[in-house]
Amino acid sequence: MKKGIHPEIKECKVTCACGNTFNTKSNKSEIQLETCNKCHSFYTGKFKTAKTGNVQKFKDKYGIE
């Protein structure tokens, strides 16, 4: 590796909007996230799914059987 062209890697504090914090390594000293593994629906299993599909909504709207 060439000397002086790579950024310095240091300890980084990551903060999520939900309040979860953890440490990792990065060239930044602090990172703020909107979602993390503690609050994202994929990891928590709390998916927001529609009760009816688009086809059913269309049929209900126009009275089609």
N, C-alpha and C. Protein backbone atom coordinates (compact mmCIF):
# COMPACT_ATOMS: atom_id res chain seq x y z
N MET A 1 0.84 -1.18 0.00
CA MET A 1 0.00 0.00 0.00
C MET A 1 0.89 1.24 0.00
N LYS A 2 0.43 2.26 -0.70
CA LYS A 2 1.15 3.51 -0.71
C LYS A 2 0.92 4.25 0.60
N LYS A 3 1.90 4.91 1.08
CA LYS A 3 1.80 5.67 2.32
C LYS A 3 1.11 7.01 2.05
N GLY A 4 0.24 7.43 2.99
CA GLY A 4 -0.35 8.76 2.95
C GLY A 4 -1.57 8.94 2.06
N ILE A 5 -2.05 7.90 1.37
CA ILE A 5 -3.22 8.10 0.51
C ILE A 5 -4.50 7.51 1.11
N HIS A 6 -4.38 6.69 2.14
CA HIS A 6 -5.55 6.06 2.74
C HIS A 6 -5.99 6.85 3.98
N PRO A 7 -7.32 6.96 4.20
CA PRO A 7 -7.80 7.68 5.38
C PRO A 7 -7.49 6.90 6.66
N GLU A 8 -7.41 7.62 7.73
CA GLU A 8 -7.13 7.01 9.04
C GLU A 8 -8.40 6.33 9.55
N ILE A 9 -8.30 5.08 9.94
CA ILE A 9 -9.42 4.33 10.49
C ILE A 9 -9.39 4.47 12.01
N LYS A 10 -10.55 4.87 12.58
CA LYS A 10 -10.63 5.08 14.02
C LYS A 10 -11.95 4.54 14.56
N GLU A 11 -12.08 4.50 15.85
CA GLU A 11 -13.30 4.04 16.52
C GLU A 11 -14.42 5.03 16.22
N CYS A 12 -15.61 4.49 15.87
CA CYS A 12 -16.74 5.31 15.46
C CYS A 12 -17.97 4.93 16.29
N LYS A 13 -18.72 5.93 16.74
CA LYS A 13 -19.96 5.70 17.47
C LYS A 13 -21.12 5.89 16.49
N VAL A 14 -21.95 4.83 16.35
CA VAL A 14 -23.10 4.85 15.45
C VAL A 14 -24.35 5.00 16.30
N THR A 15 -25.20 5.99 15.96
CA THR A 15 -26.42 6.27 16.70
C THR A 15 -27.61 6.18 15.75
N CYS A 16 -28.61 5.40 16.14
CA CYS A 16 -29.82 5.25 15.34
C CYS A 16 -30.89 6.21 15.85
N ALA A 17 -31.89 6.49 15.01
CA ALA A 17 -32.99 7.37 15.40
C ALA A 17 -33.83 6.75 16.53
N CYS A 18 -33.81 5.42 16.66
CA CYS A 18 -34.57 4.76 17.72
C CYS A 18 -33.86 4.83 19.07
N GLY A 19 -32.59 5.26 19.08
CA GLY A 19 -31.85 5.38 20.32
C GLY A 19 -30.77 4.33 20.49
N ASN A 20 -30.74 3.33 19.65
CA ASN A 20 -29.73 2.28 19.72
C ASN A 20 -28.36 2.86 19.33
N THR A 21 -27.32 2.50 20.09
CA THR A 21 -25.96 2.93 19.76
C THR A 21 -25.03 1.73 19.79
N PHE A 22 -24.03 1.76 18.93
CA PHE A 22 -22.98 0.74 18.93
C PHE A 22 -21.72 1.34 18.34
N ASN A 23 -20.60 0.67 18.56
CA ASN A 23 -19.31 1.15 18.08
C ASN A 23 -18.82 0.27 16.94
N THR A 24 -18.14 0.90 16.01
CA THR A 24 -17.53 0.21 14.89
C THR A 24 -16.29 1.00 14.47
N LYS A 25 -15.67 0.63 13.38
CA LYS A 25 -14.51 1.37 12.89
C LYS A 25 -14.86 2.03 11.57
N SER A 26 -14.43 3.27 11.41
CA SER A 26 -14.71 4.03 10.20
C SER A 26 -13.70 5.17 10.10
N ASN A 27 -13.75 5.90 8.99
CA ASN A 27 -12.91 7.08 8.88
C ASN A 27 -13.60 8.31 9.46
N LYS A 28 -14.88 8.16 9.85
CA LYS A 28 -15.63 9.22 10.53
C LYS A 28 -15.64 8.93 12.02
N SER A 29 -15.85 9.95 12.82
CA SER A 29 -15.88 9.74 14.27
C SER A 29 -17.29 9.44 14.79
N GLU A 30 -18.32 9.84 14.01
CA GLU A 30 -19.70 9.62 14.45
C GLU A 30 -20.60 9.48 13.23
N ILE A 31 -21.54 8.53 13.28
CA ILE A 31 -22.49 8.29 12.19
C ILE A 31 -23.89 8.23 12.80
N GLN A 32 -24.88 8.87 12.13
CA GLN A 32 -26.27 8.82 12.58
C GLN A 32 -27.10 8.11 11.52
N LEU A 33 -27.92 7.15 11.96
CA LEU A 33 -28.74 6.33 11.06
C LEU A 33 -30.22 6.60 11.29
N GLU A 34 -31.04 6.29 10.27
CA GLU A 34 -32.49 6.35 10.42
C GLU A 34 -33.04 5.03 10.95
N THR A 35 -32.50 3.91 10.47
CA THR A 35 -32.94 2.59 10.93
C THR A 35 -31.74 1.70 11.17
N CYS A 36 -31.89 0.78 12.10
CA CYS A 36 -30.83 -0.18 12.42
C CYS A 36 -31.47 -1.56 12.56
N ASN A 37 -30.71 -2.54 12.96
CA ASN A 37 -31.24 -3.89 13.11
C ASN A 37 -32.20 -4.02 14.29
N LYS A 38 -32.23 -3.08 15.20
CA LYS A 38 -33.15 -3.15 16.34
C LYS A 38 -34.53 -2.59 16.00
N CYS A 39 -34.63 -1.72 14.97
CA CYS A 39 -35.92 -1.10 14.67
C CYS A 39 -36.41 -1.35 13.24
N HIS A 40 -35.61 -1.94 12.36
CA HIS A 40 -36.03 -2.19 10.99
C HIS A 40 -37.01 -3.37 10.96
N SER A 41 -38.06 -3.23 10.15
CA SER A 41 -39.11 -4.25 10.13
C SER A 41 -38.62 -5.61 9.64
N PHE A 42 -37.61 -5.66 8.81
CA PHE A 42 -37.08 -6.94 8.35
C PHE A 42 -36.51 -7.75 9.51
N TYR A 43 -35.82 -7.11 10.43
CA TYR A 43 -35.19 -7.80 11.55
C TYR A 43 -36.15 -8.03 12.72
N THR A 44 -37.12 -7.14 12.91
CA THR A 44 -38.04 -7.27 14.03
C THR A 44 -39.21 -8.19 13.71
N GLY A 45 -39.51 -8.41 12.42
CA GLY A 45 -40.63 -9.25 12.02
C GLY A 45 -41.96 -8.54 12.05
N LYS A 46 -41.97 -7.23 12.24
CA LYS A 46 -43.21 -6.45 12.27
C LYS A 46 -43.39 -5.76 10.91
N PHE A 47 -43.81 -6.54 9.92
CA PHE A 47 -44.00 -6.00 8.58
C PHE A 47 -45.33 -5.26 8.50
N LYS A 48 -45.34 -4.18 7.76
CA LYS A 48 -46.56 -3.44 7.51
C LYS A 48 -47.09 -3.88 6.15
N THR A 49 -48.00 -4.83 6.16
CA THR A 49 -48.53 -5.35 4.92
C THR A 49 -49.97 -4.88 4.72
N ALA A 50 -50.35 -4.75 3.48
CA ALA A 50 -51.71 -4.35 3.15
C ALA A 50 -52.66 -5.52 3.41
N LYS A 51 -53.86 -5.20 3.86
CA LYS A 51 -54.83 -6.25 4.15
C LYS A 51 -55.45 -6.78 2.86
N THR A 52 -55.57 -5.92 1.85
CA THR A 52 -56.08 -6.35 0.56
C THR A 52 -55.09 -5.95 -0.52
N GLY A 53 -55.06 -6.70 -1.59
CA GLY A 53 -54.16 -6.42 -2.68
C GLY A 53 -54.71 -5.35 -3.60
N ASN A 54 -53.89 -4.90 -4.55
CA ASN A 54 -54.30 -3.86 -5.48
C ASN A 54 -55.44 -4.30 -6.39
N VAL A 55 -55.43 -5.56 -6.80
CA VAL A 55 -56.50 -6.07 -7.66
C VAL A 55 -57.82 -6.06 -6.92
N GLN A 56 -57.80 -6.49 -5.66
CA GLN A 56 -59.02 -6.51 -4.87
C GLN A 56 -59.53 -5.09 -4.62
N LYS A 57 -58.66 -4.14 -4.39
CA LYS A 57 -59.06 -2.74 -4.20
C LYS A 57 -59.74 -2.21 -5.47
N PHE A 58 -59.17 -2.54 -6.64
CA PHE A 58 -59.75 -2.10 -7.91
C PHE A 58 -61.13 -2.69 -8.10
N LYS A 59 -61.29 -3.98 -7.84
CA LYS A 59 -62.59 -4.64 -7.99
C LYS A 59 -63.62 -4.05 -7.04
N ASP A 60 -63.22 -3.76 -5.80
CA ASP A 60 -64.14 -3.16 -4.84
C ASP A 60 -64.53 -1.75 -5.25
N LYS A 61 -63.61 -1.00 -5.78
CA LYS A 61 -63.85 0.39 -6.16
C LYS A 61 -64.86 0.49 -7.31
N TYR A 62 -64.75 -0.40 -8.29
CA TYR A 62 -65.59 -0.34 -9.47
C TYR A 62 -66.69 -1.39 -9.48
N GLY A 63 -66.89 -2.12 -8.41
CA GLY A 63 -67.98 -3.07 -8.28
C GLY A 63 -67.86 -4.27 -9.20
N ILE A 64 -66.65 -4.66 -9.51
CA ILE A 64 -66.41 -5.81 -10.38
C ILE A 64 -66.29 -7.04 -9.51
N GLU A 65 -66.90 -8.14 -9.98
CA GLU A 65 -66.81 -9.37 -9.19
C GLU A 65 -65.54 -10.10 -9.37
